[in-house]
Amino acid sequence: MITFFTLSASSLLKNQLPVPAPQLAAGRRVRAAITTALVVPLVLVSAASQASPAVSDIKGDWVLDDGSAVARVAPCAYAPSRLCAIVIQEILAPGEESALNQIVVRDIRPTKQGQFSGQYQIGPQKTLPATINIRSATVLEMKVCMGIFCDTIKLVRKV
């Protein structure tokens, strides 16, 4: 857009009759002011986006939003290129089975900027697809679906 404006403005000036020097200088000042007004915000936005890159590392300890469990996201023992979430702390309600030291999400891998996919473990040989979205440096949302029924789990980075 800026290139188009500069080319069209310079071609207009070439096709006109001779313009007195003061008017030509004023036209150049206006063109320079418009170009500056368009370029400076683009440069500032570009610099700001480079200064604060998007969060993409989900390794670490994450607490369920209700505080009932802590899961550690780390490379999987069976495939170090993939991540797994393992329960490292839990508070059980009466009658609940323990998931301590068990993989709850396996094969976590990035799918696009700020998003990961994996397999949520619901039984010894049963998994459901999971999508993990990074909401901020300290908040993740994991969505697990079984057919049309979905559940979203919020996790907060443990400090």
N, C-alpha and C. Protein backbone atom coordinates (compact mmCIF):
# COMPACT_ATOMS: atom_id res chain seq x y z
N MET A 1 0.82 -1.19 0.00
CA MET A 1 0.00 0.00 0.00
C MET A 1 0.86 1.25 0.00
N ILE A 2 1.89 1.26 0.81
CA ILE A 2 2.77 2.42 0.87
C ILE A 2 3.50 2.56 -0.46
N THR A 3 3.98 1.44 -1.01
CA THR A 3 4.68 1.48 -2.28
C THR A 3 3.76 2.00 -3.36
N PHE A 4 2.52 1.56 -3.40
CA PHE A 4 1.57 2.03 -4.38
C PHE A 4 1.36 3.52 -4.26
N PHE A 5 1.19 4.03 -3.03
CA PHE A 5 0.99 5.45 -2.82
C PHE A 5 2.18 6.24 -3.32
N THR A 6 3.39 5.80 -2.99
CA THR A 6 4.59 6.52 -3.39
C THR A 6 4.72 6.54 -4.90
N LEU A 7 4.47 5.39 -5.57
CA LEU A 7 4.57 5.35 -7.02
C LEU A 7 3.52 6.23 -7.67
N SER A 8 2.30 6.17 -7.20
CA SER A 8 1.25 6.96 -7.84
C SER A 8 1.48 8.45 -7.61
N ALA A 9 1.96 8.85 -6.44
CA ALA A 9 2.21 10.26 -6.18
C ALA A 9 3.37 10.76 -7.02
N SER A 10 4.43 9.97 -7.19
CA SER A 10 5.56 10.42 -7.98
C SER A 10 5.21 10.47 -9.45
N SER A 11 4.38 9.55 -9.94
CA SER A 11 3.99 9.59 -11.34
C SER A 11 3.09 10.79 -11.62
N LEU A 12 2.27 11.18 -10.66
CA LEU A 12 1.44 12.36 -10.84
C LEU A 12 2.30 13.61 -10.95
N LEU A 13 3.31 13.70 -10.13
CA LEU A 13 4.18 14.87 -10.17
C LEU A 13 4.94 14.95 -11.49
N LYS A 14 5.35 13.83 -12.07
CA LYS A 14 6.07 13.83 -13.34
C LYS A 14 5.18 14.26 -14.49
N ASN A 15 3.90 13.93 -14.45
CA ASN A 15 2.98 14.22 -15.54
C ASN A 15 2.40 15.63 -15.48
N GLN A 16 2.67 16.39 -14.46
CA GLN A 16 2.13 17.73 -14.33
C GLN A 16 3.05 18.74 -15.02
N LEU A 17 2.51 19.90 -15.24
CA LEU A 17 3.29 21.00 -15.77
C LEU A 17 4.31 21.42 -14.72
N PRO A 18 5.32 22.14 -15.11
CA PRO A 18 6.31 22.57 -14.13
C PRO A 18 5.64 23.25 -12.94
N VAL A 19 6.03 22.85 -11.75
CA VAL A 19 5.45 23.37 -10.52
C VAL A 19 6.49 24.26 -9.85
N PRO A 20 6.06 25.42 -9.38
CA PRO A 20 7.01 26.28 -8.69
C PRO A 20 7.64 25.54 -7.50
N ALA A 21 8.89 25.86 -7.19
CA ALA A 21 9.65 25.18 -6.15
C ALA A 21 8.94 25.16 -4.80
N PRO A 22 8.32 26.24 -4.31
CA PRO A 22 7.65 26.17 -3.01
C PRO A 22 6.50 25.16 -2.98
N GLN A 23 5.73 25.08 -4.07
CA GLN A 23 4.63 24.12 -4.11
C GLN A 23 5.14 22.68 -4.18
N LEU A 24 6.23 22.47 -4.92
CA LEU A 24 6.82 21.14 -5.04
C LEU A 24 7.34 20.69 -3.68
N ALA A 25 7.99 21.58 -2.97
CA ALA A 25 8.51 21.25 -1.64
C ALA A 25 7.36 20.94 -0.68
N ALA A 26 6.27 21.68 -0.78
CA ALA A 26 5.12 21.43 0.09
C ALA A 26 4.51 20.05 -0.22
N GLY A 27 4.44 19.69 -1.47
CA GLY A 27 3.91 18.38 -1.86
C GLY A 27 4.78 17.25 -1.32
N ARG A 28 6.10 17.45 -1.37
CA ARG A 28 7.01 16.44 -0.83
C ARG A 28 6.85 16.31 0.68
N ARG A 29 6.64 17.44 1.37
CA ARG A 29 6.46 17.40 2.82
C ARG A 29 5.18 16.65 3.17
N VAL A 30 4.12 16.91 2.43
CA VAL A 30 2.85 16.22 2.68
C VAL A 30 3.01 14.72 2.44
N ARG A 31 3.65 14.37 1.32
CA ARG A 31 3.87 12.96 1.00
C ARG A 31 4.73 12.30 2.08
N ALA A 32 5.77 12.98 2.55
CA ALA A 32 6.63 12.44 3.60
C ALA A 32 5.85 12.27 4.90
N ALA A 33 4.98 13.24 5.21
CA ALA A 33 4.19 13.14 6.44
C ALA A 33 3.21 11.97 6.37
N ILE A 34 2.59 11.77 5.23
CA ILE A 34 1.65 10.66 5.07
C ILE A 34 2.39 9.33 5.15
N THR A 35 3.52 9.23 4.46
CA THR A 35 4.31 8.00 4.51
C THR A 35 4.75 7.70 5.93
N THR A 36 5.21 8.71 6.67
CA THR A 36 5.62 8.53 8.06
C THR A 36 4.44 8.07 8.91
N ALA A 37 3.28 8.68 8.68
CA ALA A 37 2.09 8.31 9.46
C ALA A 37 1.68 6.87 9.20
N LEU A 38 1.97 6.36 8.01
CA LEU A 38 1.62 4.97 7.70
C LEU A 38 2.70 3.98 8.15
N VAL A 39 3.96 4.37 8.04
CA VAL A 39 5.06 3.44 8.32
C VAL A 39 5.35 3.30 9.80
N VAL A 40 5.35 4.38 10.57
CA VAL A 40 5.74 4.33 11.98
C VAL A 40 4.88 3.36 12.78
N PRO A 41 3.53 3.39 12.66
CA PRO A 41 2.75 2.41 13.42
C PRO A 41 3.07 0.96 13.04
N LEU A 42 3.34 0.70 11.76
CA LEU A 42 3.69 -0.65 11.34
C LEU A 42 5.00 -1.11 11.97
N VAL A 43 5.98 -0.22 12.02
CA VAL A 43 7.27 -0.55 12.63
C VAL A 43 7.10 -0.80 14.12
N LEU A 44 6.31 0.03 14.81
CA LEU A 44 6.10 -0.14 16.24
C LEU A 44 5.39 -1.45 16.55
N VAL A 45 4.37 -1.80 15.77
CA VAL A 45 3.66 -3.07 15.98
C VAL A 45 4.59 -4.24 15.74
N SER A 46 5.40 -4.16 14.70
CA SER A 46 6.35 -5.23 14.40
C SER A 46 7.36 -5.39 15.53
N ALA A 47 7.89 -4.30 16.04
CA ALA A 47 8.86 -4.36 17.13
C ALA A 47 8.22 -4.92 18.40
N ALA A 48 6.99 -4.52 18.68
CA ALA A 48 6.31 -5.01 19.88
C ALA A 48 6.05 -6.51 19.78
N SER A 49 5.67 -6.99 18.61
CA SER A 49 5.39 -8.42 18.48
C SER A 49 6.66 -9.24 18.58
N GLN A 50 7.81 -8.68 18.17
CA GLN A 50 9.07 -9.39 18.31
C GLN A 50 9.57 -9.35 19.75
N ALA A 51 9.27 -8.28 20.46
CA ALA A 51 9.75 -8.13 21.83
C ALA A 51 9.02 -9.07 22.78
N SER A 52 7.76 -9.38 22.52
CA SER A 52 7.01 -10.28 23.40
C SER A 52 6.46 -11.45 22.59
N PRO A 53 7.29 -12.47 22.35
CA PRO A 53 6.83 -13.59 21.54
C PRO A 53 5.70 -14.35 22.22
N ALA A 54 4.91 -15.02 21.42
CA ALA A 54 3.79 -15.79 21.96
C ALA A 54 4.31 -16.94 22.82
N VAL A 55 3.56 -17.29 23.82
CA VAL A 55 3.93 -18.38 24.70
C VAL A 55 3.78 -19.69 23.92
N SER A 56 4.79 -20.52 23.92
CA SER A 56 4.67 -21.78 23.20
C SER A 56 5.21 -22.96 24.01
N ASP A 57 5.74 -22.71 25.19
CA ASP A 57 6.29 -23.78 26.01
C ASP A 57 5.31 -24.12 27.12
N ILE A 58 4.76 -25.32 27.07
CA ILE A 58 3.79 -25.72 28.10
C ILE A 58 4.40 -26.68 29.10
N LYS A 59 5.71 -26.92 28.99
CA LYS A 59 6.37 -27.80 29.96
C LYS A 59 6.29 -27.17 31.34
N GLY A 60 6.09 -27.99 32.34
CA GLY A 60 6.04 -27.51 33.71
C GLY A 60 4.88 -28.13 34.46
N ASP A 61 4.62 -27.60 35.65
CA ASP A 61 3.56 -28.11 36.52
C ASP A 61 2.32 -27.24 36.38
N TRP A 62 1.16 -27.89 36.22
CA TRP A 62 -0.11 -27.21 36.01
C TRP A 62 -1.14 -27.72 37.03
N VAL A 63 -1.86 -26.80 37.65
CA VAL A 63 -2.85 -27.11 38.67
C VAL A 63 -4.24 -27.00 38.04
N LEU A 64 -5.10 -28.00 38.30
CA LEU A 64 -6.49 -27.89 37.86
C LEU A 64 -7.12 -26.68 38.53
N ASP A 65 -8.04 -26.02 37.88
CA ASP A 65 -8.62 -24.80 38.44
C ASP A 65 -9.31 -25.00 39.78
N ASP A 66 -9.76 -26.22 40.08
CA ASP A 66 -10.37 -26.47 41.39
C ASP A 66 -9.35 -26.90 42.44
N GLY A 67 -8.08 -27.01 42.05
CA GLY A 67 -7.02 -27.36 42.98
C GLY A 67 -6.93 -28.84 43.34
N SER A 68 -7.70 -29.70 42.67
CA SER A 68 -7.74 -31.11 43.04
C SER A 68 -6.56 -31.94 42.56
N ALA A 69 -5.80 -31.42 41.61
CA ALA A 69 -4.66 -32.20 41.10
C ALA A 69 -3.63 -31.28 40.47
N VAL A 70 -2.41 -31.79 40.39
CA VAL A 70 -1.31 -31.11 39.70
C VAL A 70 -0.76 -32.09 38.68
N ALA A 71 -0.61 -31.63 37.44
CA ALA A 71 -0.05 -32.47 36.38
C ALA A 71 1.25 -31.84 35.90
N ARG A 72 2.23 -32.68 35.64
CA ARG A 72 3.51 -32.21 35.11
C ARG A 72 3.56 -32.55 33.62
N VAL A 73 3.79 -31.52 32.80
CA VAL A 73 3.96 -31.71 31.36
C VAL A 73 5.45 -31.75 31.09
N ALA A 74 5.90 -32.89 30.54
CA ALA A 74 7.32 -33.12 30.28
C ALA A 74 7.44 -34.08 29.09
N PRO A 75 8.64 -34.24 28.53
CA PRO A 75 8.80 -35.21 27.45
C PRO A 75 8.38 -36.61 27.89
N CYS A 76 7.71 -37.32 27.01
CA CYS A 76 7.26 -38.68 27.29
C CYS A 76 8.47 -39.61 27.37
N ALA A 77 8.44 -40.57 28.28
CA ALA A 77 9.53 -41.53 28.41
C ALA A 77 9.67 -42.38 27.15
N TYR A 78 8.55 -42.72 26.50
CA TYR A 78 8.57 -43.60 25.33
C TYR A 78 8.85 -42.85 24.03
N ALA A 79 8.70 -41.52 24.02
CA ALA A 79 8.94 -40.72 22.81
C ALA A 79 9.32 -39.30 23.23
N PRO A 80 10.60 -39.03 23.45
CA PRO A 80 11.02 -37.72 23.96
C PRO A 80 10.64 -36.52 23.08
N SER A 81 10.28 -36.76 21.82
CA SER A 81 9.87 -35.65 20.97
C SER A 81 8.42 -35.23 21.25
N ARG A 82 7.68 -36.04 21.98
CA ARG A 82 6.30 -35.74 22.35
C ARG A 82 6.25 -35.41 23.84
N LEU A 83 5.18 -34.73 24.24
CA LEU A 83 4.99 -34.39 25.65
C LEU A 83 3.89 -35.25 26.25
N CYS A 84 4.01 -35.48 27.54
CA CYS A 84 2.98 -36.20 28.29
C CYS A 84 2.65 -35.41 29.55
N ALA A 85 1.42 -35.54 30.04
CA ALA A 85 1.01 -34.93 31.31
C ALA A 85 0.81 -36.06 32.30
N ILE A 86 1.54 -35.98 33.42
CA ILE A 86 1.50 -37.01 34.45
C ILE A 86 1.02 -36.38 35.75
N VAL A 87 0.09 -37.04 36.44
CA VAL A 87 -0.41 -36.53 37.72
C VAL A 87 0.68 -36.70 38.77
N ILE A 88 1.07 -35.58 39.41
CA ILE A 88 2.12 -35.65 40.43
C ILE A 88 1.57 -35.35 41.84
N GLN A 89 0.39 -34.77 41.92
CA GLN A 89 -0.28 -34.52 43.21
C GLN A 89 -1.77 -34.60 42.98
N GLU A 90 -2.50 -35.06 43.99
CA GLU A 90 -3.96 -35.10 43.86
C GLU A 90 -4.61 -35.09 45.23
N ILE A 91 -5.83 -34.62 45.24
CA ILE A 91 -6.69 -34.68 46.43
C ILE A 91 -7.91 -35.48 46.00
N LEU A 92 -8.08 -36.64 46.60
CA LEU A 92 -9.16 -37.54 46.19
C LEU A 92 -10.41 -37.36 47.04
N ALA A 93 -11.54 -37.41 46.38
CA ALA A 93 -12.83 -37.46 47.08
C ALA A 93 -13.07 -38.91 47.49
N PRO A 94 -13.89 -39.15 48.48
CA PRO A 94 -14.17 -40.53 48.89
C PRO A 94 -14.67 -41.36 47.71
N GLY A 95 -14.06 -42.54 47.53
CA GLY A 95 -14.48 -43.45 46.46
C GLY A 95 -13.78 -43.22 45.14
N GLU A 96 -13.01 -42.15 44.99
CA GLU A 96 -12.31 -41.88 43.73
C GLU A 96 -11.06 -42.74 43.63
N GLU A 97 -10.74 -43.14 42.39
CA GLU A 97 -9.52 -43.90 42.15
C GLU A 97 -8.36 -42.94 41.96
N SER A 98 -7.20 -43.34 42.41
CA SER A 98 -6.01 -42.51 42.28
C SER A 98 -5.46 -42.57 40.86
N ALA A 99 -4.98 -41.44 40.40
CA ALA A 99 -4.30 -41.34 39.10
C ALA A 99 -2.85 -40.90 39.30
N LEU A 100 -2.39 -40.93 40.54
CA LEU A 100 -1.05 -40.48 40.87
C LEU A 100 0.00 -41.25 40.06
N ASN A 101 0.92 -40.49 39.48
CA ASN A 101 2.02 -41.01 38.65
C ASN A 101 1.55 -41.68 37.36
N GLN A 102 0.33 -41.42 36.95
CA GLN A 102 -0.18 -41.97 35.69
C GLN A 102 -0.21 -40.88 34.62
N ILE A 103 -0.02 -41.30 33.38
CA ILE A 103 -0.14 -40.38 32.25
C ILE A 103 -1.63 -40.11 32.03
N VAL A 104 -2.00 -38.85 32.02
CA VAL A 104 -3.40 -38.49 31.77
C VAL A 104 -3.59 -37.93 30.36
N VAL A 105 -2.55 -37.33 29.81
CA VAL A 105 -2.59 -36.87 28.42
C VAL A 105 -1.26 -37.29 27.78
N ARG A 106 -1.37 -37.97 26.65
CA ARG A 106 -0.16 -38.44 25.97
C ARG A 106 -0.07 -37.87 24.56
N ASP A 107 1.10 -37.98 23.98
CA ASP A 107 1.35 -37.56 22.60
C ASP A 107 0.97 -36.10 22.35
N ILE A 108 1.29 -35.23 23.29
CA ILE A 108 1.00 -33.80 23.13
C ILE A 108 2.00 -33.23 22.12
N ARG A 109 1.48 -32.57 21.11
CA ARG A 109 2.34 -31.96 20.08
C ARG A 109 1.70 -30.68 19.58
N PRO A 110 2.52 -29.73 19.14
CA PRO A 110 1.96 -28.47 18.64
C PRO A 110 1.22 -28.69 17.32
N THR A 111 0.10 -27.99 17.17
CA THR A 111 -0.65 -28.06 15.92
C THR A 111 -0.60 -26.74 15.17
N LYS A 112 -0.69 -25.65 15.91
CA LYS A 112 -0.52 -24.31 15.35
C LYS A 112 -0.13 -23.38 16.49
N GLN A 113 0.14 -22.14 16.19
CA GLN A 113 0.60 -21.21 17.20
C GLN A 113 -0.38 -21.14 18.38
N GLY A 114 0.12 -21.47 19.57
CA GLY A 114 -0.71 -21.40 20.77
C GLY A 114 -1.67 -22.56 20.97
N GLN A 115 -1.50 -23.63 20.17
CA GLN A 115 -2.42 -24.76 20.31
C GLN A 115 -1.66 -26.08 20.18
N PHE A 116 -2.09 -27.05 20.99
CA PHE A 116 -1.51 -28.38 20.98
C PHE A 116 -2.63 -29.40 20.90
N SER A 117 -2.29 -30.60 20.46
CA SER A 117 -3.26 -31.70 20.50
C SER A 117 -2.61 -32.88 21.19
N GLY A 118 -3.44 -33.77 21.71
CA GLY A 118 -2.94 -34.96 22.39
C GLY A 118 -4.07 -35.94 22.60
N GLN A 119 -3.78 -36.98 23.36
CA GLN A 119 -4.76 -38.02 23.65
C GLN A 119 -4.99 -38.08 25.15
N TYR A 120 -6.24 -37.81 25.57
CA TYR A 120 -6.62 -37.84 26.97
C TYR A 120 -6.93 -39.28 27.35
N GLN A 121 -6.23 -39.80 28.35
CA GLN A 121 -6.34 -41.20 28.77
C GLN A 121 -7.56 -41.38 29.67
N ILE A 122 -8.57 -42.17 29.23
CA ILE A 122 -9.74 -42.42 30.08
C ILE A 122 -9.78 -43.85 30.60
N GLY A 123 -8.87 -44.68 30.14
CA GLY A 123 -8.80 -46.06 30.58
C GLY A 123 -7.49 -46.67 30.11
N PRO A 124 -7.25 -47.94 30.48
CA PRO A 124 -5.98 -48.56 30.10
C PRO A 124 -5.70 -48.52 28.59
N GLN A 125 -6.68 -48.74 27.78
CA GLN A 125 -6.50 -48.72 26.33
C GLN A 125 -7.46 -47.74 25.64
N LYS A 126 -8.01 -46.80 26.40
CA LYS A 126 -9.01 -45.87 25.85
C LYS A 126 -8.52 -44.44 25.96
N THR A 127 -8.59 -43.74 24.84
CA THR A 127 -8.22 -42.32 24.83
C THR A 127 -9.26 -41.52 24.06
N LEU A 128 -9.27 -40.24 24.34
CA LEU A 128 -10.12 -39.29 23.62
C LEU A 128 -9.23 -38.16 23.11
N PRO A 129 -9.56 -37.59 21.96
CA PRO A 129 -8.75 -36.48 21.47
C PRO A 129 -8.88 -35.26 22.38
N ALA A 130 -7.76 -34.60 22.60
CA ALA A 130 -7.73 -33.41 23.44
C ALA A 130 -7.07 -32.27 22.67
N THR A 131 -7.60 -31.07 22.85
CA THR A 131 -7.01 -29.87 22.27
C THR A 131 -6.64 -28.95 23.42
N ILE A 132 -5.39 -28.50 23.43
CA ILE A 132 -4.90 -27.61 24.48
C ILE A 132 -4.61 -26.25 23.88
N ASN A 133 -5.28 -25.23 24.41
CA ASN A 133 -5.07 -23.86 23.95
C ASN A 133 -4.35 -23.05 25.03
N ILE A 134 -3.33 -22.33 24.62
CA ILE A 134 -2.62 -21.46 25.54
C ILE A 134 -3.37 -20.14 25.61
N ARG A 135 -3.88 -19.80 26.78
CA ARG A 135 -4.60 -18.55 26.97
C ARG A 135 -3.66 -17.44 27.42
N SER A 136 -2.62 -17.79 28.17
CA SER A 136 -1.60 -16.83 28.60
C SER A 136 -0.40 -17.64 29.08
N ALA A 137 0.61 -16.97 29.58
CA ALA A 137 1.79 -17.67 30.09
C ALA A 137 1.45 -18.54 31.29
N THR A 138 0.32 -18.25 31.95
CA THR A 138 -0.03 -18.98 33.17
C THR A 138 -1.35 -19.74 33.08
N VAL A 139 -2.03 -19.73 31.95
CA VAL A 139 -3.34 -20.39 31.84
C VAL A 139 -3.42 -21.23 30.56
N LEU A 140 -3.85 -22.48 30.74
CA LEU A 140 -4.14 -23.38 29.62
C LEU A 140 -5.60 -23.80 29.70
N GLU A 141 -6.19 -24.08 28.55
CA GLU A 141 -7.53 -24.68 28.51
C GLU A 141 -7.43 -25.95 27.68
N MET A 142 -7.89 -27.04 28.24
CA MET A 142 -7.89 -28.31 27.53
C MET A 142 -9.33 -28.72 27.26
N LYS A 143 -9.61 -29.00 26.00
CA LYS A 143 -10.95 -29.41 25.60
C LYS A 143 -10.89 -30.87 25.17
N VAL A 144 -11.73 -31.68 25.81
CA VAL A 144 -11.81 -33.11 25.52
C VAL A 144 -13.23 -33.41 25.07
N CYS A 145 -13.37 -34.09 23.94
CA CYS A 145 -14.70 -34.38 23.40
C CYS A 145 -14.90 -35.88 23.19
N MET A 146 -16.14 -36.29 23.47
CA MET A 146 -16.58 -37.65 23.15
C MET A 146 -17.82 -37.45 22.28
N GLY A 147 -17.62 -37.59 20.99
CA GLY A 147 -18.70 -37.31 20.06
C GLY A 147 -19.04 -35.82 20.11
N ILE A 148 -20.31 -35.51 20.40
CA ILE A 148 -20.71 -34.11 20.46
C ILE A 148 -20.62 -33.53 21.87
N PHE A 149 -20.30 -34.37 22.84
CA PHE A 149 -20.20 -33.92 24.22
C PHE A 149 -18.75 -33.55 24.53
N CYS A 150 -18.55 -32.33 24.98
CA CYS A 150 -17.21 -31.83 25.26
C CYS A 150 -17.12 -31.27 26.68
N ASP A 151 -15.92 -31.31 27.23
CA ASP A 151 -15.65 -30.73 28.53
C ASP A 151 -14.38 -29.90 28.40
N THR A 152 -14.36 -28.75 29.02
CA THR A 152 -13.18 -27.89 29.01
C THR A 152 -12.61 -27.81 30.41
N ILE A 153 -11.32 -28.05 30.51
CA ILE A 153 -10.62 -28.04 31.79
C ILE A 153 -9.63 -26.89 31.77
N LYS A 154 -9.69 -26.06 32.81
CA LYS A 154 -8.77 -24.93 32.92
C LYS A 154 -7.63 -25.33 33.84
N LEU A 155 -6.41 -25.01 33.43
CA LEU A 155 -5.21 -25.31 34.21
C LEU A 155 -4.41 -24.03 34.41
N VAL A 156 -3.84 -23.88 35.59
CA VAL A 156 -3.05 -22.69 35.93
C VAL A 156 -1.64 -23.14 36.28
N ARG A 157 -0.66 -22.43 35.73
CA ARG A 157 0.75 -22.80 35.98
C ARG A 157 1.06 -22.69 37.46
N LYS A 158 1.68 -23.72 38.01
CA LYS A 158 2.06 -23.73 39.42
C LYS A 158 3.31 -22.88 39.59
N VAL A 159 3.26 -22.00 40.59
CA VAL A 159 4.42 -21.13 40.83
C VAL A 159 5.25 -21.59 42.00
